[in-house]
C-alpha atoms as a PDB file:
ATOM      1  CA  MET A   1      -4.488 273.149  69.358  1.00  0.00           C
ATOM      2  CA  ALA A   2      -7.581 274.512  70.561  1.00  0.00           C
ATOM      3  CA  ASP A   3      -9.079 278.091  71.013  1.00  0.00           C
ATOM      4  CA  GLU A   4     -11.118 278.878  73.975  1.00  0.00           C
ATOM      5  CA  ASP A   5     -14.376 278.856  72.223  1.00  0.00           C
ATOM      6  CA  GLY A   6     -13.651 275.188  71.585  1.00  0.00           C
ATOM      7  CA  ARG A   7     -12.492 275.226  68.025  1.00  0.00           C
ATOM      8  CA  ARG A   8      -9.668 272.832  67.169  1.00  0.00           C
ATOM      9  CA  TYR A   9      -7.025 273.115  64.589  1.00  0.00           C
ATOM     10  CA  ALA A  10      -5.126 270.607  62.497  1.00  0.00           C
ATOM     11  CA  PRO A  11      -1.593 271.448  61.100  1.00  0.00           C
ATOM     12  CA  SER A  12      -2.322 269.332  58.012  1.00  0.00           C
ATOM     13  CA  THR A  13      -5.581 271.411  57.302  1.00  0.00           C
ATOM     14  CA  ALA A  14      -3.557 274.571  57.229  1.00  0.00           C
ATOM     15  CA  ARG A  15      -1.370 273.188  54.748  1.00  0.00           C
ATOM     16  CA  ASN A  16      -4.136 271.443  52.521  1.00  0.00           C
ATOM     17  CA  ARG A  17      -7.336 273.674  52.816  1.00  0.00           C
ATOM     18  CA  GLU A  18      -6.285 275.955  50.070  1.00  0.00           C
ATOM     19  CA  PRO A  19      -5.079 273.387  47.515  1.00  0.00           C
ATOM     20  CA  ILE A  20      -8.474 271.749  48.096  1.00  0.00           C
ATOM     21  CA  ARG A  21     -10.481 275.082  47.646  1.00  0.00           C
ATOM     22  CA  ASP A  22      -8.866 275.347  44.328  1.00  0.00           C
ATOM     23  CA  VAL A  23      -9.701 271.702  43.407  1.00  0.00           C
ATOM     24  CA  PHE A  24     -13.493 272.480  44.414  1.00  0.00           C
ATOM     25  CA  ALA A  25     -13.323 275.452  42.104  1.00  0.00           C
ATOM     26  CA  ALA A  26     -11.832 273.905  39.196  1.00  0.00           C
ATOM     27  CA  HIS A  27     -14.029 270.946  39.215  1.00  0.00           C
ATOM     28  CA  GLY A  28     -17.474 272.065  39.848  1.00  0.00           C
ATOM     29  CA  LEU A  29     -17.846 271.143  43.705  1.00  0.00           C
ATOM     30  CA  SER A  30     -18.432 274.809  44.825  1.00  0.00           C
ATOM     31  CA  THR A  31     -22.344 274.343  44.990  1.00  0.00           C
ATOM     32  CA  GLY A  32     -24.730 271.845  46.538  1.00  0.00           C
ATOM     33  CA  ASN A  33     -25.553 269.978  49.520  1.00  0.00           C
ATOM     34  CA  VAL A  34     -22.422 268.371  51.022  1.00  0.00           C
ATOM     35  CA  LEU A  35     -21.974 265.472  53.559  1.00  0.00           C
ATOM     36  CA  GLU A  36     -18.685 265.179  55.342  1.00  0.00           C
ATOM     37  CA  ILE A  37     -17.610 261.742  56.778  1.00  0.00           C
ATOM     38  CA  ALA A  38     -15.015 262.109  59.450  1.00  0.00           C
ATOM     39  CA  SER A  39     -15.066 265.819  59.672  1.00  0.00           C
ATOM     40  CA  GLY A  40     -12.326 266.065  62.498  1.00  0.00           C
ATOM     41  CA  THR A  41     -11.649 269.541  63.659  1.00  0.00           C
ATOM     42  CA  GLY A  42     -14.437 271.016  61.343  1.00  0.00           C
ATOM     43  CA  GLU A  43     -11.944 273.245  59.633  1.00  0.00           C
ATOM     44  CA  HIS A  44     -12.548 272.237  56.056  1.00  0.00           C
ATOM     45  CA  GLY A  45     -16.361 272.682  56.187  1.00  0.00           C
ATOM     46  CA  ALA A  46     -15.743 276.188  57.744  1.00  0.00           C
ATOM     47  CA  PHE A  47     -13.219 277.309  55.285  1.00  0.00           C
ATOM     48  CA  LEU A  48     -15.075 276.005  52.109  1.00  0.00           C
ATOM     49  CA  THR A  49     -18.403 277.218  53.035  1.00  0.00           C
ATOM     50  CA  GLU A  50     -16.718 280.701  53.525  1.00  0.00           C
ATOM     51  CA  ALA A  51     -15.167 280.432  50.193  1.00  0.00           C
ATOM     52  CA  PHE A  52     -18.279 279.033  48.381  1.00  0.00           C
ATOM     53  CA  ALA A  53     -21.749 280.538  49.063  1.00  0.00           C
ATOM     54  CA  GLY A  54     -23.191 277.968  47.309  1.00  0.00           C
ATOM     55  CA  LEU A  55     -22.322 275.098  49.587  1.00  0.00           C
ATOM     56  CA  CYS A  56     -24.565 273.839  52.431  1.00  0.00           C
ATOM     57  CA  TRP A  57     -22.358 271.566  54.654  1.00  0.00           C
ATOM     58  CA  THR A  58     -23.168 268.777  57.065  1.00  0.00           C
ATOM     59  CA  TYR A  59     -20.415 267.531  59.601  1.00  0.00           C
ATOM     60  CA  SER A  60     -20.349 264.038  60.992  1.00  0.00           C
ATOM     61  CA  ASP A  61     -17.906 262.114  63.147  1.00  0.00           C
ATOM     62  CA  ILE A  62     -17.766 259.228  65.566  1.00  0.00           C
ATOM     63  CA  ASP A  63     -15.332 261.206  67.727  1.00  0.00           C
ATOM     64  CA  PRO A  64     -16.944 263.064  70.595  1.00  0.00           C
ATOM     65  CA  GLU A  65     -13.920 265.586  70.702  1.00  0.00           C
ATOM     66  CA  GLY A  66     -14.257 265.973  66.855  1.00  0.00           C
ATOM     67  CA  ARG A  67     -17.911 266.777  66.993  1.00  0.00           C
ATOM     68  CA  ALA A  68     -17.328 269.340  69.975  1.00  0.00           C
ATOM     69  CA  SER A  69     -14.956 271.364  67.498  1.00  0.00           C
ATOM     70  CA  GLN A  70     -17.405 271.160  64.704  1.00  0.00           C
ATOM     71  CA  ARG A  71     -20.109 272.610  66.767  1.00  0.00           C
ATOM     72  CA  ALA A  72     -17.844 275.180  67.755  1.00  0.00           C
ATOM     73  CA  TRP A  73     -17.071 276.144  64.068  1.00  0.00           C
ATOM     74  CA  ARG A  74     -20.773 275.934  63.134  1.00  0.00           C
ATOM     75  CA  ASP A  75     -21.654 278.172  65.860  1.00  0.00           C
ATOM     76  CA  LEU A  76     -19.010 280.826  64.900  1.00  0.00           C
ATOM     77  CA  ALA A  77     -19.954 280.869  61.188  1.00  0.00           C
ATOM     78  CA  GLY A  78     -22.223 283.654  60.184  1.00  0.00           C
ATOM     79  CA  HIS A  79     -23.857 282.121  57.239  1.00  0.00           C
ATOM     80  CA  GLY A  80     -26.103 279.104  58.611  1.00  0.00           C
ATOM     81  CA  ARG A  81     -24.712 276.711  55.925  1.00  0.00           C
ATOM     82  CA  LEU A  82     -22.846 274.423  58.309  1.00  0.00           C
ATOM     83  CA  LEU A  83     -25.173 271.701  59.975  1.00  0.00           C
ATOM     84  CA  GLY A  84     -24.673 268.773  62.194  1.00  0.00           C
ATOM     85  CA  PRO A  85     -22.598 267.364  63.475  1.00  0.00           C
ATOM     86  CA  LEU A  86     -24.052 264.142  63.061  1.00  0.00           C
ATOM     87  CA  ILE A  87     -22.869 260.751  64.430  1.00  0.00           C
ATOM     88  CA  ILE A  88     -22.103 258.516  61.481  1.00  0.00           C
ATOM     89  CA  ASP A  89     -20.158 255.490  61.377  1.00  0.00           C
ATOM     90  CA  ALA A  90     -18.676 255.149  57.983  1.00  0.00           C
ATOM     91  CA  SER A  91     -18.739 251.273  58.069  1.00  0.00           C
ATOM     92  CA  SER A  92     -22.237 250.950  59.097  1.00  0.00           C
ATOM     93  CA  ASP A  93     -24.896 250.232  56.377  1.00  0.00           C
ATOM     94  CA  ASP A  94     -26.978 252.555  57.877  1.00  0.00           C
ATOM     95  CA  TRP A  95     -26.216 256.114  58.408  1.00  0.00           C
ATOM     96  CA  GLY A  96     -29.292 257.220  60.114  1.00  0.00           C
ATOM     97  CA  GLU A  97     -31.063 260.594  59.388  1.00  0.00           C
ATOM     98  CA  VAL A  98     -29.048 261.204  56.221  1.00  0.00           C
ATOM     99  CA  GLU A  99     -30.512 258.058  54.612  1.00  0.00           C
ATOM    100  CA  GLY A 100     -33.006 258.758  52.020  1.00  0.00           C
ATOM    101  CA  LYS A 101     -31.860 262.192  51.136  1.00  0.00           C
ATOM    102  CA  ALA A 102     -30.050 262.726  47.878  1.00  0.00           C
ATOM    103  CA  TRP A 103     -26.500 264.596  48.201  1.00  0.00           C
ATOM    104  CA  ASP A 104     -24.712 266.615  45.586  1.00  0.00           C
ATOM    105  CA  LEU A 105     -21.204 265.732  47.378  1.00  0.00           C
ATOM    106  CA  ILE A 106     -19.762 263.367  49.823  1.00  0.00           C
ATOM    107  CA  VAL A 107     -16.418 264.376  51.215  1.00  0.00           C
ATOM    108  CA  SER A 108     -13.943 262.391  53.487  1.00  0.00           C
ATOM    109  CA  VAL A 109     -10.632 264.046  54.257  1.00  0.00           C
ATOM    110  CA  ASN A 110      -7.747 261.903  55.518  1.00  0.00           C
ATOM    111  CA  MET A 111      -9.862 259.226  56.693  1.00  0.00           C
ATOM    112  CA  VAL A 112      -9.276 256.270  54.444  1.00  0.00           C
ATOM    113  CA  HIS A 113      -5.755 255.523  55.644  1.00  0.00           C
ATOM    114  CA  ILE A 114      -6.452 256.109  59.505  1.00  0.00           C
ATOM    115  CA  SER A 115      -9.330 253.542  59.641  1.00  0.00           C
ATOM    116  CA  PRO A 116      -9.956 250.079  59.307  1.00  0.00           C
ATOM    117  CA  PHE A 117     -10.708 249.220  55.628  1.00  0.00           C
ATOM    118  CA  ALA A 118     -14.462 248.343  56.535  1.00  0.00           C
ATOM    119  CA  ALA A 119     -14.761 252.120  56.965  1.00  0.00           C
ATOM    120  CA  THR A 120     -13.589 252.673  53.353  1.00  0.00           C
ATOM    121  CA  GLU A 121     -15.797 249.975  51.952  1.00  0.00           C
ATOM    122  CA  GLY A 122     -18.607 251.571  53.884  1.00  0.00           C
ATOM    123  CA  LEU A 123     -18.009 254.894  52.622  1.00  0.00           C
ATOM    124  CA  LEU A 124     -18.165 253.869  49.022  1.00  0.00           C
ATOM    125  CA  GLN A 125     -21.436 252.081  49.561  1.00  0.00           C
ATOM    126  CA  GLY A 126     -22.727 255.147  51.291  1.00  0.00           C
ATOM    127  CA  ALA A 127     -21.842 257.124  48.452  1.00  0.00           C
ATOM    128  CA  GLY A 128     -23.416 254.937  46.109  1.00  0.00           C
ATOM    129  CA  ARG A 129     -26.752 254.786  47.904  1.00  0.00           C
ATOM    130  CA  LEU A 130     -26.906 258.421  48.834  1.00  0.00           C
ATOM    131  CA  LEU A 131     -25.370 260.661  46.117  1.00  0.00           C
ATOM    132  CA  LYS A 132     -27.483 261.979  43.215  1.00  0.00           C
ATOM    133  CA  PRO A 133     -26.944 260.616  39.832  1.00  0.00           C
ATOM    134  CA  GLY A 134     -24.162 262.865  38.753  1.00  0.00           C
ATOM    135  CA  GLY A 135     -23.260 263.555  42.240  1.00  0.00           C
ATOM    136  CA  HIS A 136     -19.696 263.338  43.442  1.00  0.00           C
ATOM    137  CA  LEU A 137     -17.559 261.653  46.142  1.00  0.00           C
ATOM    138  CA  PHE A 138     -14.581 263.685  46.936  1.00  0.00           C
ATOM    139  CA  LEU A 139     -11.461 261.758  48.884  1.00  0.00           C
ATOM    140  CA  TYR A 140      -8.138 263.505  50.017  1.00  0.00           C
ATOM    141  CA  GLY A 141      -5.180 261.874  51.381  1.00  0.00           C
ATOM    142  CA  PRO A 142      -2.125 259.571  50.553  1.00  0.00           C
ATOM    143  CA  TYR A 143      -2.519 256.658  48.079  1.00  0.00           C
ATOM    144  CA  ALA A 144      -0.440 254.029  46.340  1.00  0.00           C
ATOM    145  CA  ARG A 145      -1.346 253.498  42.590  1.00  0.00           C
ATOM    146  CA  ASN A 146      -1.325 250.289  40.910  1.00  0.00           C
ATOM    147  CA  GLY A 147       1.026 248.905  43.458  1.00  0.00           C
ATOM    148  CA  GLU A 148       3.266 251.621  43.262  1.00  0.00           C
ATOM    149  CA  ILE A 149       3.768 253.916  46.494  1.00  0.00           C
ATOM    150  CA  ALA A 150       5.876 257.034  47.142  1.00  0.00           C
ATOM    151  CA  PRO A 151       8.652 256.244  49.929  1.00  0.00           C
ATOM    152  CA  SER A 152       7.299 258.850  52.040  1.00  0.00           C
ATOM    153  CA  ASN A 153       3.890 257.479  51.814  1.00  0.00           C
ATOM    154  CA  ALA A 154       5.248 253.973  52.479  1.00  0.00           C
ATOM    155  CA  ALA A 155       6.917 255.079  55.638  1.00  0.00           C
ATOM    156  CA  PHE A 156       3.889 256.758  56.718  1.00  0.00           C
ATOM    157  CA  SER A 157       1.890 253.678  56.141  1.00  0.00           C
ATOM    158  CA  GLU A 158       4.384 251.501  58.067  1.00  0.00           C
ATOM    159  CA  SER A 159       3.975 254.057  61.003  1.00  0.00           C
ATOM    160  CA  LEU A 160       0.234 253.861  60.936  1.00  0.00           C
ATOM    161  CA  LYS A 161       0.409 250.086  61.160  1.00  0.00           C
ATOM    162  CA  ALA A 162       2.541 250.225  64.022  1.00  0.00           C
ATOM    163  CA  ARG A 163      -0.209 252.246  65.504  1.00  0.00           C
ATOM    164  CA  ASN A 164      -3.028 250.109  64.491  1.00  0.00           C
ATOM    165  CA  PRO A 165      -2.602 247.093  62.075  1.00  0.00           C
ATOM    166  CA  ALA A 166      -5.920 247.890  60.436  1.00  0.00           C
ATOM    167  CA  TRP A 167      -4.579 251.101  59.258  1.00  0.00           C
ATOM    168  CA  GLY A 168      -2.460 251.992  56.352  1.00  0.00           C
ATOM    169  CA  VAL A 169      -2.215 253.729  53.106  1.00  0.00           C
ATOM    170  CA  ARG A 170      -4.510 252.160  50.545  1.00  0.00           C
ATOM    171  CA  ASP A 171      -4.032 251.556  46.715  1.00  0.00           C
ATOM    172  CA  LEU A 172      -6.546 253.689  44.811  1.00  0.00           C
ATOM    173  CA  ASP A 173      -6.700 251.188  41.896  1.00  0.00           C
ATOM    174  CA  LEU A 174      -6.354 248.029  43.564  1.00  0.00           C
ATOM    175  CA  ASP A 175      -8.288 248.583  46.579  1.00  0.00           C
ATOM    176  CA  LEU A 176     -10.912 251.357  45.940  1.00  0.00           C
ATOM    177  CA  ARG A 177     -11.754 251.449  42.436  1.00  0.00           C
ATOM    178  CA  PRO A 178     -13.162 247.753  42.041  1.00  0.00           C
ATOM    179  CA  LEU A 179     -15.303 248.458  45.188  1.00  0.00           C
ATOM    180  CA  ALA A 180     -16.150 251.968  43.822  1.00  0.00           C
ATOM    181  CA  SER A 181     -17.262 250.608  40.395  1.00  0.00           C
ATOM    182  CA  GLN A 182     -19.578 247.962  42.223  1.00  0.00           C
ATOM    183  CA  GLU A 183     -21.581 251.028  43.836  1.00  0.00           C
ATOM    184  CA  GLY A 184     -21.903 252.932  40.400  1.00  0.00           C
ATOM    185  CA  LEU A 185     -18.911 255.184  41.151  1.00  0.00           C
ATOM    186  CA  GLY A 186     -16.716 255.897  38.384  1.00  0.00           C
ATOM    187  CA  LEU A 187     -13.231 257.704  38.974  1.00  0.00           C
ATOM    188  CA  GLU A 188     -13.423 260.895  37.084  1.00  0.00           C
ATOM    189  CA  LYS A 189     -10.389 262.817  38.280  1.00  0.00           C
ATOM    190  CA  VAL A 190      -7.081 262.258  40.188  1.00  0.00           C
ATOM    191  CA  ILE A 191      -5.257 265.453  41.121  1.00  0.00           C
ATOM    192  CA  GLU A 192      -1.653 265.401  42.554  1.00  0.00           C
ATOM    193  CA  MET A 193      -1.610 267.495  45.730  1.00  0.00           C
ATOM    194  CA  PRO A 194       1.186 268.831  48.161  1.00  0.00           C
ATOM    195  CA  ALA A 195       3.042 266.270  50.151  1.00  0.00           C
ATOM    196  CA  ASN A 196       2.333 263.280  47.901  1.00  0.00           C
ATOM    197  CA  ASN A 197      -1.471 263.590  48.421  1.00  0.00           C
ATOM    198  CA  LEU A 198      -4.209 262.924  45.957  1.00  0.00           C
ATOM    199  CA  SER A 199      -7.440 264.797  45.604  1.00  0.00           C
ATOM    200  CA  VAL A 200      -9.681 261.912  43.981  1.00  0.00           C
ATOM    201  CA  ILE A 201     -13.129 262.466  42.610  1.00  0.00           C
ATOM    202  CA  PHE A 202     -15.591 259.715  41.651  1.00  0.00           C
ATOM    203  CA  LYS A 203     -18.925 260.354  40.030  1.00  0.00           C
ATOM    204  CA  ARG A 204     -22.206 258.644  40.556  1.00  0.00           C
ATOM    205  CA  SER A 205     -23.755 257.224  37.254  1.00  0.00           C
END
């Protein structure tokens, strides 16, 4: 769904943006410079910068339609704290103009399961490379835990794999944590969210 001004909307965002806002508030993620990877419609950045005056948020995406929507949300924001969108391929080892900057927070919502695993590997490497010491990586989406997966997430994963064999729900403990640890990212908090999703917070050492 899209407005005449170019802003797009995702039904899942309407369901999860307020719970995500509450996690940001409860876990000290409400201030600082934020880089979002795979910003999608741009709704999360618009909503969270409206909720938290201390956030300065930079959009990025490889999808042109996504970037068009992000520009529309940015242009309609009255506060000047929405930046980008940049073209960043998470699987790349060079994220262009964001390299060399120290970020307080890197955010990726619902990307890990709808992309090849190389994108997740690159995301974790990028977070290890670009986050300030003590900075955070915030992930949101469905995950398995230590080989256990909710039936609804298992069915969702199979439907994703039918669309693209490289996609699918990942195991937070078996797939992500070992790679994160190699990049100096420790798992700080896992918060259960609606519809068997998780908010996952890693901290840069």
